[in-house]
C-alpha atoms as a PDB file:
ATOM      1  CA  UNK A   1     205.776  16.307  31.606  1.00  0.00           C
ATOM      2  CA  UNK A   2     204.692  17.982  28.393  1.00  0.00           C
ATOM      3  CA  UNK A   3     204.096  21.306  30.188  1.00  0.00           C
ATOM      4  CA  UNK A   4     207.583  21.163  31.737  1.00  0.00           C
ATOM      5  CA  UNK A   5     209.148  20.706  28.313  1.00  0.00           C
ATOM      6  CA  UNK A   6     207.123  23.608  26.915  1.00  0.00           C
ATOM      7  CA  UNK A   7     207.947  25.954  29.795  1.00  0.00           C
ATOM      8  CA  UNK A   8     211.630  24.950  29.764  1.00  0.00           C
ATOM      9  CA  UNK A   9     211.763  25.617  26.024  1.00  0.00           C
ATOM     10  CA  UNK A  10     210.192  29.042  26.534  1.00  0.00           C
ATOM     11  CA  UNK A  11     212.680  29.770  29.332  1.00  0.00           C
ATOM     12  CA  UNK A  12     215.589  28.782  27.083  1.00  0.00           C
ATOM     13  CA  UNK A  13     214.252  31.101  24.373  1.00  0.00           C
ATOM     14  CA  UNK A  14     213.661  34.006  26.773  1.00  0.00           C
ATOM     15  CA  UNK A  15     217.110  33.995  28.416  1.00  0.00           C
ATOM     16  CA  UNK A  16     219.223  34.695  25.301  1.00  0.00           C
ATOM     17  CA  UNK A  17     216.764  37.356  24.139  1.00  0.00           C
ATOM     18  CA  UNK A  18     217.042  39.066  27.525  1.00  0.00           C
ATOM     19  CA  UNK A  19     220.835  38.856  27.466  1.00  0.00           C
ATOM     20  CA  UNK A  20     220.903  40.268  23.939  1.00  0.00           C
ATOM     21  CA  UNK A  21     218.712  43.190  24.990  1.00  0.00           C
ATOM     22  CA  UNK A  22     221.041  43.947  27.913  1.00  0.00           C
ATOM     23  CA  UNK A  23     224.435  43.369  26.315  1.00  0.00           C
ATOM     24  CA  UNK A  24     224.302  43.740  22.535  1.00  0.00           C
ATOM     25  CA  UNK A  25     224.289  47.140  20.837  1.00  0.00           C
ATOM     26  CA  UNK A  26     220.829  46.732  19.311  1.00  0.00           C
ATOM     27  CA  UNK A  27     220.172  50.459  19.048  1.00  0.00           C
ATOM     28  CA  UNK A  28     216.962  50.163  21.025  1.00  0.00           C
ATOM     29  CA  UNK A  29     215.313  53.340  22.304  1.00  0.00           C
ATOM     30  CA  UNK A  30     216.166  53.996  25.973  1.00  0.00           C
ATOM     31  CA  UNK A  31     212.682  53.052  27.189  1.00  0.00           C
ATOM     32  CA  UNK A  32     212.859  49.646  25.504  1.00  0.00           C
ATOM     33  CA  UNK A  33     216.440  49.080  26.605  1.00  0.00           C
ATOM     34  CA  UNK A  34     215.518  49.828  30.225  1.00  0.00           C
ATOM     35  CA  UNK A  35     212.169  48.090  30.589  1.00  0.00           C
ATOM     36  CA  UNK A  36     212.352  45.299  28.008  1.00  0.00           C
ATOM     37  CA  UNK A  37     215.180  43.785  30.030  1.00  0.00           C
ATOM     38  CA  UNK A  38     213.089  43.973  33.202  1.00  0.00           C
ATOM     39  CA  UNK A  39     210.060  42.434  31.533  1.00  0.00           C
ATOM     40  CA  UNK A  40     212.131  39.625  30.008  1.00  0.00           C
ATOM     41  CA  UNK A  41     213.732  38.971  33.419  1.00  0.00           C
ATOM     42  CA  UNK A  42     210.261  38.626  34.978  1.00  0.00           C
ATOM     43  CA  UNK A  43     209.128  36.422  32.101  1.00  0.00           C
ATOM     44  CA  UNK A  44     212.177  34.179  32.572  1.00  0.00           C
ATOM     45  CA  UNK A  45     211.434  33.981  36.304  1.00  0.00           C
ATOM     46  CA  UNK A  46     207.882  32.889  35.516  1.00  0.00           C
ATOM     47  CA  UNK A  47     208.997  30.209  33.016  1.00  0.00           C
ATOM     48  CA  UNK A  48     211.645  28.979  35.478  1.00  0.00           C
ATOM     49  CA  UNK A  49     209.053  28.568  38.234  1.00  0.00           C
ATOM     50  CA  UNK A  50     206.533  26.993  35.843  1.00  0.00           C
ATOM     51  CA  UNK A  51     209.190  24.456  34.845  1.00  0.00           C
ATOM     52  CA  UNK A  52     209.982  23.628  38.465  1.00  0.00           C
ATOM     53  CA  UNK A  53     206.307  23.538  39.503  1.00  0.00           C
ATOM     54  CA  UNK A  54     204.479  22.084  36.473  1.00  0.00           C
ATOM     55  CA  UNK A  55     201.373  21.034  38.374  1.00  0.00           C
ATOM     56  CA  UNK A  56     200.579  24.566  39.553  1.00  0.00           C
ATOM     57  CA  UNK A  57     198.071  26.607  37.620  1.00  0.00           C
ATOM     58  CA  UNK A  58     199.369  29.714  35.855  1.00  0.00           C
ATOM     59  CA  UNK A  59     197.724  32.028  38.412  1.00  0.00           C
ATOM     60  CA  UNK A  60     199.585  30.294  41.259  1.00  0.00           C
ATOM     61  CA  UNK A  61     202.893  30.452  39.367  1.00  0.00           C
ATOM     62  CA  UNK A  62     202.237  34.124  38.612  1.00  0.00           C
ATOM     63  CA  UNK A  63     201.576  34.859  42.277  1.00  0.00           C
ATOM     64  CA  UNK A  64     204.836  33.208  43.327  1.00  0.00           C
ATOM     65  CA  UNK A  65     206.801  34.912  40.536  1.00  0.00           C
ATOM     66  CA  UNK A  66     205.391  38.322  41.366  1.00  0.00           C
ATOM     67  CA  UNK A  67     206.128  37.832  45.058  1.00  0.00           C
ATOM     68  CA  UNK A  68     209.736  36.847  44.345  1.00  0.00           C
ATOM     69  CA  UNK A  69     210.245  39.685  41.835  1.00  0.00           C
ATOM     70  CA  UNK A  70     208.797  42.284  44.211  1.00  0.00           C
ATOM     71  CA  UNK A  71     210.816  41.032  47.182  1.00  0.00           C
ATOM     72  CA  UNK A  72     214.003  41.078  45.111  1.00  0.00           C
ATOM     73  CA  UNK A  73     213.246  44.622  43.994  1.00  0.00           C
ATOM     74  CA  UNK A  74     212.542  45.720  47.568  1.00  0.00           C
ATOM     75  CA  UNK A  75     215.733  43.988  48.763  1.00  0.00           C
ATOM     76  CA  UNK A  76     217.681  46.667  46.907  1.00  0.00           C
ATOM     77  CA  UNK A  77     216.556  49.104  49.593  1.00  0.00           C
ATOM     78  CA  UNK A  78     218.274  47.117  52.360  1.00  0.00           C
ATOM     79  CA  UNK A  79     222.077  47.312  52.330  1.00  0.00           C
ATOM     80  CA  UNK A  80     223.692  43.914  52.902  1.00  0.00           C
ATOM     81  CA  UNK A  81     227.411  44.001  52.125  1.00  0.00           C
ATOM     82  CA  UNK A  82     227.769  40.507  50.630  1.00  0.00           C
ATOM     83  CA  UNK A  83     224.652  40.848  48.460  1.00  0.00           C
ATOM     84  CA  UNK A  84     225.621  44.383  47.407  1.00  0.00           C
ATOM     85  CA  UNK A  85     229.067  43.078  46.393  1.00  0.00           C
ATOM     86  CA  UNK A  86     227.403  40.355  44.301  1.00  0.00           C
ATOM     87  CA  UNK A  87     225.161  42.975  42.674  1.00  0.00           C
ATOM     88  CA  UNK A  88     228.315  44.625  41.276  1.00  0.00           C
ATOM     89  CA  UNK A  89     229.231  41.486  39.312  1.00  0.00           C
ATOM     90  CA  UNK A  90     227.798  40.728  35.881  1.00  0.00           C
ATOM     91  CA  UNK A  91     225.759  37.820  37.263  1.00  0.00           C
ATOM     92  CA  UNK A  92     224.536  39.989  40.124  1.00  0.00           C
ATOM     93  CA  UNK A  93     223.419  42.743  37.757  1.00  0.00           C
ATOM     94  CA  UNK A  94     221.469  40.229  35.682  1.00  0.00           C
ATOM     95  CA  UNK A  95     219.937  38.216  38.518  1.00  0.00           C
ATOM     96  CA  UNK A  96     219.378  40.821  41.236  1.00  0.00           C
ATOM     97  CA  UNK A  97     219.760  44.217  39.616  1.00  0.00           C
ATOM     98  CA  UNK A  98     221.466  47.169  41.221  1.00  0.00           C
ATOM     99  CA  UNK A  99     218.986  49.959  41.916  1.00  0.00           C
ATOM    100  CA  UNK A 100     215.460  50.040  43.294  1.00  0.00           C
ATOM    101  CA  UNK A 101     212.784  51.238  40.910  1.00  0.00           C
ATOM    102  CA  UNK A 102     209.051  51.195  41.462  1.00  0.00           C
ATOM    103  CA  UNK A 103     208.730  51.224  37.664  1.00  0.00           C
ATOM    104  CA  UNK A 104     210.462  47.848  37.566  1.00  0.00           C
ATOM    105  CA  UNK A 105     207.743  46.404  39.790  1.00  0.00           C
ATOM    106  CA  UNK A 106     205.159  47.717  37.329  1.00  0.00           C
ATOM    107  CA  UNK A 107     207.117  46.087  34.483  1.00  0.00           C
ATOM    108  CA  UNK A 108     207.203  42.809  36.431  1.00  0.00           C
ATOM    109  CA  UNK A 109     203.444  42.888  37.018  1.00  0.00           C
ATOM    110  CA  UNK A 110     202.750  43.469  33.324  1.00  0.00           C
ATOM    111  CA  UNK A 111     205.232  40.846  32.144  1.00  0.00           C
ATOM    112  CA  UNK A 112     204.130  38.164  34.589  1.00  0.00           C
ATOM    113  CA  UNK A 113     200.457  38.828  33.857  1.00  0.00           C
ATOM    114  CA  UNK A 114     201.020  38.503  30.106  1.00  0.00           C
ATOM    115  CA  UNK A 115     203.214  35.433  30.527  1.00  0.00           C
ATOM    116  CA  UNK A 116     200.681  33.709  32.801  1.00  0.00           C
ATOM    117  CA  UNK A 117     197.973  34.465  30.249  1.00  0.00           C
ATOM    118  CA  UNK A 118     200.111  32.916  27.499  1.00  0.00           C
ATOM    119  CA  UNK A 119     200.840  29.932  29.746  1.00  0.00           C
ATOM    120  CA  UNK A 120     197.126  29.478  30.436  1.00  0.00           C
ATOM    121  CA  UNK A 121     196.346  29.540  26.706  1.00  0.00           C
ATOM    122  CA  UNK A 122     199.158  27.087  25.881  1.00  0.00           C
ATOM    123  CA  UNK A 123     198.241  24.761  28.760  1.00  0.00           C
ATOM    124  CA  UNK A 124     194.589  24.872  27.747  1.00  0.00           C
ATOM    125  CA  UNK A 125     195.495  23.960  24.157  1.00  0.00           C
ATOM    126  CA  UNK A 126     197.703  21.093  25.315  1.00  0.00           C
ATOM    127  CA  UNK A 127     194.931  19.571  27.429  1.00  0.00           C
ATOM    128  CA  UNK A 128     192.572  19.612  24.433  1.00  0.00           C
ATOM    129  CA  UNK A 129     195.000  17.802  22.123  1.00  0.00           C
END
């Protein structure tokens, strides 16, 4: 239960930061604007899955998150009218993205790896206390 509360809290912190990066005029350099959003999206996906599946080890959660993120990225290569229409909405842009980018997959791998490492460290600390 304690892990679920921790991961939910981290998810609820990550989401507004990601939305701020995407929608507020923060004056970020282009590289950060482009890839920080992708990394925060992947981090939020990880925390979401870790909240839903609290008994799984971080490596298992990371594997599921990376699989989902990669499949969603690859889905952009397959035109499906209803999904493509959803991608044009604000929610669709945030949740599914619009354009395929191999660089996004790299960003997802880095973000999920770092997040799983953080999760492992936090979970390890919680079991000791």
